[in-house]
Structures are given as C-alpha cells and as structure tokens.
C-alpha atoms as a PDB file:
ATOM      1  CA  MET A   1      23.298-174.576-124.685  1.00  0.00           C
ATOM      2  CA  ASN A   2      23.376-176.509-121.441  1.00  0.00           C
ATOM      3  CA  ASN A   3      21.960-174.642-118.377  1.00  0.00           C
ATOM      4  CA  PRO A   4      24.169-174.869-115.151  1.00  0.00           C
ATOM      5  CA  PRO A   5      22.694-177.119-112.745  1.00  0.00           C
ATOM      6  CA  MET A   6      20.287-175.656-110.205  1.00  0.00           C
ATOM      7  CA  THR A   7      21.631-174.887-106.556  1.00  0.00           C
ATOM      8  CA  GLU A   8      20.003-176.393-103.716  1.00  0.00           C
ATOM      9  CA  HIS A   9      18.352-173.202-102.728  1.00  0.00           C
ATOM     10  CA  GLU A  10      17.260-172.595-106.343  1.00  0.00           C
ATOM     11  CA  ILE A  11      15.501-176.299-106.085  1.00  0.00           C
ATOM     12  CA  ASN A  12      13.930-175.486-102.833  1.00  0.00           C
ATOM     13  CA  GLU A  13      12.484-172.412-104.019  1.00  0.00           C
ATOM     14  CA  GLN A  14      11.029-173.979-107.006  1.00  0.00           C
ATOM     15  CA  ILE A  15       9.675-176.549-104.987  1.00  0.00           C
ATOM     16  CA  TRP A  16       7.842-174.011-102.554  1.00  0.00           C
ATOM     17  CA  LYS A  17       6.566-172.144-105.619  1.00  0.00           C
ATOM     18  CA  GLU A  18       4.916-175.330-107.102  1.00  0.00           C
ATOM     19  CA  LEU A  19       3.403-176.207-103.621  1.00  0.00           C
ATOM     20  CA  SER A  20       2.177-172.706-103.403  1.00  0.00           C
ATOM     21  CA  THR A  21       0.457-173.090-106.612  1.00  0.00           C
ATOM     22  CA  LEU A  22      -1.070-176.279-105.740  1.00  0.00           C
ATOM     23  CA  GLU A  23      -2.465-174.947-102.478  1.00  0.00           C
ATOM     24  CA  SER A  24      -4.068-171.968-104.149  1.00  0.00           C
ATOM     25  CA  TYR A  25      -5.507-174.343-106.999  1.00  0.00           C
ATOM     26  CA  ASP A  26      -6.917-176.720-104.177  1.00  0.00           C
ATOM     27  CA  GLY A  27      -8.425-173.807-102.249  1.00  0.00           C
ATOM     28  CA  GLY A  28     -10.124-172.439-105.522  1.00  0.00           C
ATOM     29  CA  LYS A  29     -11.513-175.928-106.122  1.00  0.00           C
ATOM     30  CA  ARG A  30     -12.937-176.431-103.091  1.00  0.00           C
ATOM     31  CA  HIS A  31     -14.652-172.995-102.886  1.00  0.00           C
ATOM     32  CA  ARG A  32     -16.036-173.656-106.450  1.00  0.00           C
ATOM     33  CA  PHE A  33     -17.238-176.960-105.250  1.00  0.00           C
ATOM     34  CA  SER A  34     -18.834-175.873-102.361  1.00  0.00           C
ATOM     35  CA  LEU A  35     -20.992-173.677-104.515  1.00  0.00           C
ATOM     36  CA  GLY A  36     -21.910-176.620-106.622  1.00  0.00           C
ATOM     37  CA  LEU A  37     -19.895-175.320-109.478  1.00  0.00           C
ATOM     38  CA  PRO A  38     -17.594-177.350-111.977  1.00  0.00           C
ATOM     39  CA  ILE A  39     -14.194-176.410-112.236  1.00  0.00           C
ATOM     40  CA  TYR A  40     -12.134-176.579-115.618  1.00  0.00           C
ATOM     41  CA  TYR A  41      -8.590-177.634-116.039  1.00  0.00           C
ATOM     42  CA  SER A  42      -6.248-179.182-118.499  1.00  0.00           C
ATOM     43  CA  ASP A  43      -3.679-182.201-117.843  1.00  0.00           C
ATOM     44  CA  ASP A  44      -0.635-183.123-119.710  1.00  0.00           C
ATOM     45  CA  ASP A  45      -2.443-185.411-121.870  1.00  0.00           C
ATOM     46  CA  THR A  46      -5.329-183.347-122.577  1.00  0.00           C
ATOM     47  CA  PRO A  47      -5.845-182.830-126.370  1.00  0.00           C
ATOM     48  CA  ASP A  48      -5.176-179.297-127.848  1.00  0.00           C
ATOM     49  CA  GLY A  49      -8.326-177.459-127.891  1.00  0.00           C
ATOM     50  CA  LEU A  50     -10.241-179.418-125.255  1.00  0.00           C
ATOM     51  CA  THR A  51     -10.592-179.150-121.594  1.00  0.00           C
ATOM     52  CA  ILE A  52     -11.745-181.172-118.563  1.00  0.00           C
ATOM     53  CA  ARG A  53     -14.764-179.950-116.888  1.00  0.00           C
ATOM     54  CA  GLU A  54     -14.885-181.788-113.221  1.00  0.00           C
ATOM     55  CA  TYR A  55     -18.238-181.626-111.186  1.00  0.00           C
ATOM     56  CA  PRO A  56     -18.351-181.536-107.442  1.00  0.00           C
ATOM     57  CA  ASP A  57     -19.773-185.078-107.226  1.00  0.00           C
ATOM     58  CA  GLY A  58     -16.517-186.150-109.260  1.00  0.00           C
ATOM     59  CA  ARG A  59     -18.041-186.471-112.891  1.00  0.00           C
ATOM     60  CA  ARG A  60     -15.758-185.335-115.568  1.00  0.00           C
ATOM     61  CA  GLU A  61     -16.042-184.321-119.166  1.00  0.00           C
ATOM     62  CA  LEU A  62     -13.758-183.652-122.047  1.00  0.00           C
ATOM     63  CA  VAL A  63     -15.331-180.434-123.455  1.00  0.00           C
ATOM     64  CA  ARG A  64     -14.808-178.114-126.423  1.00  0.00           C
ATOM     65  CA  ARG A  65     -15.455-174.362-125.786  1.00  0.00           C
ATOM     66  CA  HIS A  66     -16.468-172.212-128.516  1.00  0.00           C
ATOM     67  CA  SER A  67     -18.697-168.866-129.178  1.00  0.00           C
ATOM     68  CA  GLU A  68     -21.567-171.017-129.054  1.00  0.00           C
ATOM     69  CA  GLY A  69     -21.029-172.570-125.900  1.00  0.00           C
ATOM     70  CA  GLU A  70     -19.637-176.004-124.738  1.00  0.00           C
ATOM     71  CA  GLU A  71     -19.633-179.185-126.733  1.00  0.00           C
ATOM     72  CA  ILE A  72     -19.225-182.252-124.560  1.00  0.00           C
ATOM     73  CA  VAL A  73     -16.873-184.467-126.501  1.00  0.00           C
ATOM     74  CA  ARG A  74     -16.414-187.369-124.184  1.00  0.00           C
ATOM     75  CA  VAL A  75     -17.458-188.358-120.699  1.00  0.00           C
ATOM     76  CA  LEU A  76     -14.656-189.412-118.579  1.00  0.00           C
ATOM     77  CA  SER A  77     -14.259-191.867-115.759  1.00  0.00           C
ATOM     78  CA  ALA A  78     -14.926-189.995-112.174  1.00  0.00           C
ATOM     79  CA  SER A  79     -12.108-188.157-110.560  1.00  0.00           C
ATOM     80  CA  LEU A  80     -10.136-189.808-107.459  1.00  0.00           C
ATOM     81  CA  ARG A  81      -8.652-186.454-106.746  1.00  0.00           C
END
C-alpha cells in the first residue's frame, strides 16, 4: 500500500517535532555534562545490543550493558558534536 503524500502542513509539523526532540536532547546532554556525567545513545550504525557512552571531554566508547555492569567493547574516536 502506498501512503498518500504528506501535506505541507504535515511536513512542517514533523520538522517542528524533530527539532523539539533535538532541543530536548541537547539540553539534557548539556546538563549531564555539566555534572561530569556521561550520556548514552545509539546511532543508526550502532550494532545491536551495544550503546555509545560519551564523556564530557568528548571521549566515546562502544559499550555492552548487562546485569554485571558495563563492558567496553571498543574505544571510539572523540566526538565532534
């Protein structure tokens, strides 16, 4: 089944929703970093079962979380975000 094309209004609503989500994420990120805490997230290319842990200084690690704690799978390049 093909969905009908989105109207201009629907497209604009979707854009505002995505911008609002990004703004909320960025505010939370800044708050955690100001406390010296890392953030956790996944990108589109993050392997299943793994998460990216990013520290306030830009260091990033690919981690696996399980009942015993966290396991560093690989150290990633520093974030340019």
